[in-house]
Amino acid sequence: MLHADSAWILTDGKAGDETQCLGLAAALGVEPELRRVAPRAPWVWLMPWGPIDPREAPGRRASPIAPPFPDLLIASGRRAVPYVRQVKRASGGRTFTVILKDPRTGTSAADFIWVGEHDRLRGENVMATLTPPHRISAARIAAARAAPPAALAALPPPRAAVLVGGDSRHHTFTSADITGFVDRLKALRASGVSLMITASRRTPPALRAALAELAQEERVYLWDGSSENPYVAMLALADAVVVTADSTNMAGEAAVTGRPVLVFEPSGGHPRLKALLEGLRHAGIVHVFRGRLEGSAYQPLDSTPSIAEAVARAYEAHRRRFLSSPRDASVADA
């Protein structure tokens, strides 16, 4: 879709941020180089507004943004914002920069900015959608549905994919949360629904142990981490998707299935995630998880293709303007 000879993804390594960037890159048809930043004090305290550490300047050997600079740079996270500015400046403006999520420094932070509809940032170079970009596409869902892993295909329908997150800066699975969530999963299984469960690196040990105990029952599959995660296949085979409300990515990915999304909210919360879930509830996609199937099918929701199309248009316009400028012509001739 996008004609770029080189591309970077720039984050501080957070899995959620990197996943969104990788999803956009895949939709654009580019193979990016992953670059990660780890700013030290006191520079990290100034981010996203302040400069980067001079020891990490592009000319330094250990710099995370050492040249040659890419045609396209996709970044996410407040710590990446000053590095994006530095690449833009050091490349002479040639690198087209994209930031996912509000950079908190205004619309001039990048050539293109994506934000969730719940964010306030707006501008000519800003695109807002209900769900974030991600790596789950309709094509991947269809391929997994056509050739699912034997262990999942053997589970009798109806089936529920259970996407379990964990503790975060804004959410905590208390003992009561763990008991309540697992009890509802047990009730769902008792109603005749097969469970396909996958946990994350953030899943607390007590919750992981409770899920492992549940997996001893019939019609329950728990990915144990010993093989490739059948995450996409779970979504493809699901008649409903149970999601813990601690990740915007999981909620957005679940909406691609066109199947009801049943949400369990652990203790805590974040205004942005709550706004996303409220938008999905308004669209008839999300329902409270009460231990039973609820809701009906809907038109699958995937914002990634439209975000990629908007980025591609802006990128091509940037390249036309840049290549027609006298400055770039002189650089190309050098």
Protein backbone atom coordinates (compact mmCIF):
# COMPACT_ATOMS: atom_id res chain seq x y z
CA MET A 1 0.00 0.00 0.00
CA LEU A 2 2.80 2.42 0.84
CA HIS A 3 6.03 2.83 -1.13
CA ALA A 4 8.69 3.34 1.52
CA ASP A 5 12.21 1.98 1.21
CA SER A 6 12.73 2.01 4.96
CA ALA A 7 10.63 2.30 8.11
CA TRP A 8 11.22 2.42 11.86
CA ILE A 9 9.00 1.65 14.80
CA LEU A 10 10.05 3.66 17.84
CA THR A 11 8.77 3.00 21.38
CA ASP A 12 10.15 2.45 24.86
CA GLY A 13 9.38 -1.25 24.49
CA LYS A 14 5.88 -1.35 26.01
CA ALA A 15 4.09 -4.29 24.39
CA GLY A 16 0.82 -2.39 23.92
CA ASP A 17 2.48 0.53 22.15
CA GLU A 18 4.62 -1.70 19.97
CA THR A 19 1.66 -3.86 18.98
CA GLN A 20 -0.29 -0.86 17.71
CA CYS A 21 2.69 0.32 15.68
CA LEU A 22 3.28 -3.15 14.22
CA GLY A 23 -0.38 -3.42 13.29
CA LEU A 24 -0.25 -0.15 11.37
CA ALA A 25 3.01 -1.13 9.66
CA ALA A 26 1.50 -4.45 8.55
CA ALA A 27 -1.56 -2.70 7.14
CA LEU A 28 0.74 -0.32 5.24
CA GLY A 29 2.68 -3.26 3.81
CA VAL A 30 6.05 -2.18 5.20
CA GLU A 31 8.61 -4.23 7.15
CA PRO A 32 9.87 -1.93 9.91
CA GLU A 33 13.02 -1.97 11.97
CA LEU A 34 12.26 -1.95 15.68
CA ARG A 35 14.02 0.77 17.65
CA ARG A 36 13.57 1.17 21.39
CA VAL A 37 14.45 4.08 23.61
CA ALA A 38 15.41 3.96 27.29
CA PRO A 39 16.03 7.55 28.37
CA ARG A 40 17.88 8.13 31.63
CA ALA A 41 17.29 10.68 34.35
CA PRO A 42 17.00 13.62 34.31
CA TRP A 43 16.01 13.60 30.63
CA VAL A 44 13.19 11.12 31.13
CA TRP A 45 11.61 13.48 33.64
CA LEU A 46 11.23 16.12 30.93
CA MET A 47 9.46 13.89 28.42
CA PRO A 48 7.53 14.36 26.21
CA TRP A 49 8.32 18.07 26.24
CA GLY A 50 12.06 18.21 26.78
CA PRO A 51 15.04 17.32 24.59
CA ILE A 52 16.79 13.97 24.45
CA ASP A 53 20.03 13.23 26.25
CA PRO A 54 22.91 14.65 24.14
CA ARG A 55 24.66 11.29 24.60
CA GLU A 56 21.83 9.76 22.52
CA ALA A 57 22.10 12.23 19.65
CA PRO A 58 21.97 10.68 16.17
CA GLY A 59 25.71 11.08 15.67
CA ARG A 60 26.58 9.00 18.74
CA ARG A 61 27.46 5.34 18.25
CA ALA A 62 24.96 4.03 20.81
CA SER A 63 22.12 6.32 19.76
CA PRO A 64 18.73 4.59 19.34
CA ILE A 65 18.08 6.92 16.40
CA ALA A 66 21.40 6.59 14.59
CA PRO A 67 21.16 7.16 10.82
CA PRO A 68 20.49 6.37 8.05
CA PHE A 69 17.09 7.83 8.78
CA PRO A 70 13.98 6.05 7.51
CA ASP A 71 11.41 7.24 5.01
CA LEU A 72 8.69 6.44 7.56
CA LEU A 73 8.78 6.56 11.36
CA ILE A 74 5.90 5.19 13.45
CA ALA A 75 6.12 5.89 17.17
CA SER A 76 4.03 5.57 20.31
CA GLY A 77 4.44 6.56 23.94
CA ARG A 78 5.43 9.83 25.58
CA ARG A 79 9.09 8.82 25.91
CA ALA A 80 9.35 8.41 22.14
CA VAL A 81 8.05 11.90 21.33
CA PRO A 82 11.33 13.87 21.76
CA TYR A 83 13.18 11.28 19.64
CA VAL A 84 10.60 11.70 16.88
CA ARG A 85 11.25 15.44 16.88
CA GLN A 86 15.00 14.81 16.75
CA VAL A 87 14.72 12.44 13.76
CA LYS A 88 12.50 14.90 11.92
CA ARG A 89 15.03 17.66 12.46
CA ALA A 90 18.12 15.58 11.74
CA SER A 91 16.65 14.13 8.53
CA GLY A 92 16.06 17.61 7.19
CA GLY A 93 12.34 16.95 7.25
CA ARG A 94 12.55 14.01 4.87
CA THR A 95 11.33 11.37 7.33
CA PHE A 96 7.53 11.20 7.51
CA THR A 97 6.61 10.86 11.18
CA VAL A 98 3.55 9.19 12.69
CA ILE A 99 2.64 9.17 16.39
CA LEU A 100 -0.04 6.88 17.78
CA LYS A 101 -1.93 8.28 20.79
CA ASP A 102 -1.93 11.87 22.01
CA PRO A 103 1.71 13.06 22.26
CA ARG A 104 0.61 15.72 24.79
CA THR A 105 2.69 18.34 23.00
CA GLY A 106 0.18 19.39 20.35
CA THR A 107 -0.40 18.66 16.68
CA SER A 108 3.10 19.72 15.60
CA ALA A 109 4.65 16.65 17.25
CA ALA A 110 4.43 14.62 14.02
CA ASP A 111 3.27 14.77 10.42
CA PHE A 112 0.37 12.44 11.26
CA ILE A 113 -1.18 11.68 14.63
CA TRP A 114 -3.75 9.03 15.51
CA VAL A 115 -5.83 9.32 18.68
CA GLY A 116 -8.85 7.54 20.09
CA GLU A 117 -12.20 9.27 19.72
CA HIS A 118 -12.20 9.81 23.49
CA ASP A 119 -9.10 12.05 23.27
CA ARG A 120 -9.52 15.79 22.84
CA LEU A 121 -6.67 16.42 20.39
CA ARG A 122 -7.91 17.44 16.95
CA GLY A 123 -6.27 19.04 13.92
CA GLU A 124 -5.74 18.77 10.18
CA ASN A 125 -3.08 16.10 10.70
CA VAL A 126 -5.00 14.25 13.43
CA MET A 127 -7.23 11.21 12.85
CA ALA A 128 -9.55 9.89 15.55
CA THR A 129 -11.23 6.47 15.55
CA LEU A 130 -13.09 4.48 18.18
CA THR A 131 -10.68 1.53 18.22
CA PRO A 132 -6.88 1.60 17.95
CA PRO A 133 -4.75 0.04 15.20
CA HIS A 134 -3.74 -3.56 15.83
CA ARG A 135 -2.43 -6.73 14.17
CA ILE A 136 -5.69 -8.70 13.91
CA SER A 137 -7.09 -8.43 10.39
CA ALA A 138 -10.10 -9.98 8.69
CA ALA A 139 -7.70 -11.94 6.48
CA ARG A 140 -5.90 -13.44 9.48
CA ILE A 141 -9.22 -14.32 11.10
CA ALA A 142 -10.41 -16.05 7.90
CA ALA A 143 -7.16 -18.00 7.51
CA ALA A 144 -7.25 -19.20 11.12
CA ARG A 145 -10.89 -20.20 10.81
CA ALA A 146 -10.08 -22.27 7.70
CA ALA A 147 -7.23 -24.16 9.38
CA PRO A 148 -7.57 -24.04 13.18
CA PRO A 149 -5.32 -25.94 15.62
CA ALA A 150 -6.68 -29.39 16.35
CA ALA A 151 -6.98 -28.75 20.10
CA LEU A 152 -9.31 -25.80 19.50
CA ALA A 153 -11.28 -27.40 16.68
CA ALA A 154 -12.00 -30.37 18.96
CA LEU A 155 -13.85 -28.17 21.46
CA PRO A 156 -17.61 -28.41 20.88
CA PRO A 157 -19.41 -25.17 20.06
CA PRO A 158 -20.49 -22.74 21.22
CA ARG A 159 -17.01 -21.52 22.10
CA ALA A 160 -15.81 -18.42 23.94
CA ALA A 161 -12.36 -16.94 23.55
CA VAL A 162 -11.18 -15.68 26.95
CA LEU A 163 -8.54 -12.94 26.71
CA VAL A 164 -7.00 -12.40 30.14
CA GLY A 165 -4.82 -9.40 30.87
CA GLY A 166 -3.53 -8.53 34.30
CA ASP A 167 -2.28 -5.90 36.69
CA SER A 168 -1.19 -2.57 35.28
CA ARG A 169 -0.56 0.99 36.37
CA HIS A 170 -4.31 1.58 36.48
CA HIS A 171 -5.81 -1.85 37.20
CA THR A 172 -5.34 -4.49 39.90
CA PHE A 173 -6.85 -7.96 40.13
CA THR A 174 -7.74 -8.25 43.81
CA SER A 175 -8.58 -11.57 45.42
CA ALA A 176 -12.26 -10.69 45.06
CA ASP A 177 -11.76 -9.86 41.38
CA ILE A 178 -10.03 -13.18 40.72
CA THR A 179 -12.75 -15.15 42.50
CA GLY A 180 -15.53 -13.26 40.76
CA PHE A 181 -13.99 -13.59 37.31
CA VAL A 182 -13.22 -17.31 37.60
CA ASP A 183 -16.66 -18.03 39.08
CA ARG A 184 -18.24 -16.41 36.02
CA LEU A 185 -16.03 -18.46 33.71
CA LYS A 186 -17.15 -21.59 35.56
CA ALA A 187 -20.79 -20.57 35.13
CA LEU A 188 -20.21 -19.96 31.43
CA ARG A 189 -18.70 -23.43 31.03
CA ALA A 190 -21.53 -24.99 33.04
CA SER A 191 -24.01 -23.45 30.60
CA GLY A 192 -22.46 -25.55 27.82
CA VAL A 193 -19.90 -23.09 26.41
CA SER A 194 -16.36 -24.30 25.65
CA LEU A 195 -13.60 -21.99 26.87
CA MET A 196 -10.43 -21.08 24.95
CA ILE A 197 -8.24 -19.14 27.38
CA THR A 198 -5.04 -17.18 26.85
CA ALA A 199 -3.28 -15.18 29.57
CA SER A 200 -0.67 -12.43 29.30
CA ARG A 201 2.66 -11.60 30.86
CA ARG A 202 0.77 -9.28 33.21
CA THR A 203 -1.57 -11.98 34.55
CA PRO A 204 -0.93 -12.27 38.32
CA PRO A 205 0.16 -15.70 39.62
CA ALA A 206 -3.00 -16.23 41.66
CA LEU A 207 -5.21 -15.68 38.64
CA ARG A 208 -2.98 -17.83 36.45
CA ALA A 209 -3.19 -20.65 39.01
CA ALA A 210 -6.99 -20.40 39.14
CA LEU A 211 -7.16 -20.57 35.34
CA ALA A 212 -4.87 -23.62 35.33
CA GLU A 213 -7.20 -25.35 37.80
CA LEU A 214 -10.20 -24.50 35.63
CA ALA A 215 -8.38 -25.95 32.61
CA GLN A 216 -8.54 -29.39 34.25
CA GLU A 217 -12.25 -29.45 33.45
CA GLU A 218 -13.72 -30.70 30.16
CA ARG A 219 -14.24 -28.24 27.30
CA VAL A 220 -11.57 -25.86 28.62
CA TYR A 221 -8.35 -25.07 26.75
CA LEU A 222 -5.65 -22.91 28.36
CA TRP A 223 -2.61 -21.89 26.35
CA ASP A 224 0.33 -22.87 28.55
CA GLY A 225 3.00 -20.91 26.70
CA SER A 226 4.85 -23.97 25.43
CA SER A 227 3.87 -23.39 21.81
CA GLU A 228 2.88 -20.51 19.58
CA ASN A 229 -0.05 -18.60 21.04
CA PRO A 230 -3.23 -19.57 19.09
CA TYR A 231 -4.69 -16.15 19.89
CA VAL A 232 -5.96 -15.45 16.36
CA ALA A 233 -7.45 -18.93 16.04
CA MET A 234 -9.30 -18.42 19.34
CA LEU A 235 -10.84 -15.23 17.97
CA ALA A 236 -11.66 -16.94 14.68
CA LEU A 237 -13.53 -19.84 16.32
CA ALA A 238 -15.25 -17.78 19.02
CA ASP A 239 -19.01 -17.36 19.28
CA ALA A 240 -18.27 -14.73 21.95
CA VAL A 241 -15.14 -13.09 23.34
CA VAL A 242 -14.56 -12.55 27.06
CA VAL A 243 -12.10 -9.71 27.72
CA THR A 244 -10.69 -8.29 30.93
CA ALA A 245 -10.99 -4.51 30.85
CA ASP A 246 -7.35 -3.58 31.35
CA SER A 247 -6.26 -3.29 27.70
CA THR A 248 -7.56 -1.11 24.88
CA ASN A 249 -5.78 -3.40 22.42
CA MET A 250 -7.63 -6.55 23.50
CA ALA A 251 -11.01 -4.79 23.34
CA GLY A 252 -10.24 -3.40 19.89
CA GLU A 253 -9.00 -6.74 18.59
CA ALA A 254 -12.07 -8.55 19.91
CA ALA A 255 -14.32 -6.18 17.95
CA VAL A 256 -12.85 -7.50 14.66
CA THR A 257 -14.62 -10.83 15.19
CA GLY A 258 -18.17 -9.52 14.82
CA ARG A 259 -19.02 -11.59 17.91
CA PRO A 260 -20.34 -10.23 21.23
CA VAL A 261 -17.58 -8.97 23.52
CA LEU A 262 -18.20 -9.70 27.21
CA VAL A 263 -16.15 -7.48 29.51
CA PHE A 264 -14.98 -8.08 33.06
CA GLU A 265 -13.64 -4.98 34.81
CA PRO A 266 -11.01 -5.50 37.55
CA SER A 267 -10.44 -2.95 40.28
CA GLY A 268 -9.21 0.44 39.21
CA GLY A 269 -9.79 2.00 35.82
CA HIS A 270 -8.67 4.63 33.36
CA PRO A 271 -10.86 7.34 31.74
CA ARG A 272 -9.64 6.52 28.23
CA LEU A 273 -10.39 2.82 28.52
CA LYS A 274 -13.76 3.52 30.09
CA ALA A 275 -14.59 5.88 27.20
CA LEU A 276 -13.59 3.22 24.67
CA LEU A 277 -15.75 0.59 26.34
CA GLU A 278 -18.66 3.01 26.54
CA GLY A 279 -18.34 3.68 22.80
CA LEU A 280 -18.29 -0.06 22.10
CA ARG A 281 -21.33 -0.56 24.35
CA HIS A 282 -23.17 2.18 22.46
CA ALA A 283 -22.36 0.35 19.22
CA GLY A 284 -23.86 -2.88 20.60
CA ILE A 285 -20.48 -4.64 20.66
CA VAL A 286 -19.61 -4.78 24.36
CA HIS A 287 -21.68 -6.24 27.21
CA VAL A 288 -20.97 -6.81 30.89
CA PHE A 289 -19.69 -10.35 31.53
CA ARG A 290 -22.18 -12.01 33.89
CA GLY A 291 -21.19 -15.62 33.33
CA ARG A 292 -23.47 -16.21 30.35
CA LEU A 293 -23.62 -15.50 26.64
CA GLU A 294 -25.22 -12.17 25.79
CA GLY A 295 -25.51 -9.96 22.75
CA SER A 296 -25.73 -10.69 19.05
CA ALA A 297 -23.54 -10.55 15.97
CA TYR A 298 -22.63 -7.19 14.44
CA GLN A 299 -20.62 -5.84 11.53
CA PRO A 300 -16.96 -6.42 12.47
CA LEU A 301 -15.23 -3.23 13.56
CA ASP A 302 -11.62 -2.72 12.45
CA SER A 303 -10.20 0.80 12.31
CA THR A 304 -6.72 -0.29 11.19
CA PRO A 305 -7.36 -0.27 7.39
CA SER A 306 -8.84 3.25 7.46
CA ILE A 307 -5.97 4.54 9.60
CA ALA A 308 -3.46 2.97 7.20
CA GLU A 309 -5.19 4.51 4.19
CA ALA A 310 -5.08 7.95 5.80
CA VAL A 311 -1.38 7.55 6.66
CA ALA A 312 -0.59 6.40 3.12
CA ARG A 313 -2.33 9.42 1.59
CA ALA A 314 -0.55 11.83 3.92
CA TYR A 315 2.80 10.10 3.29
CA GLU A 316 2.48 10.33 -0.49
CA ALA A 317 1.49 14.00 -0.27
CA HIS A 318 4.52 14.62 1.95
CA ARG A 319 6.85 12.88 -0.49
CA ARG A 320 5.49 14.88 -3.43
CA ARG A 321 5.99 18.15 -1.58
CA PHE A 322 9.42 17.18 -0.31
CA LEU A 323 10.75 15.88 -3.63
CA SER A 324 9.57 19.00 -5.43
CA SER A 325 11.43 21.31 -3.04
CA PRO A 326 14.76 22.82 -4.22
CA ARG A 327 16.47 21.72 -1.00
CA ASP A 328 15.62 18.06 -1.54
CA ALA A 329 16.62 18.22 -5.18
CA SER A 330 20.08 19.41 -4.15
CA VAL A 331 20.36 16.62 -1.59
CA ALA A 332 19.33 14.02 -4.18
CA ASP A 333 21.94 15.30 -6.62
CA ALA A 334 24.71 15.23 -4.02
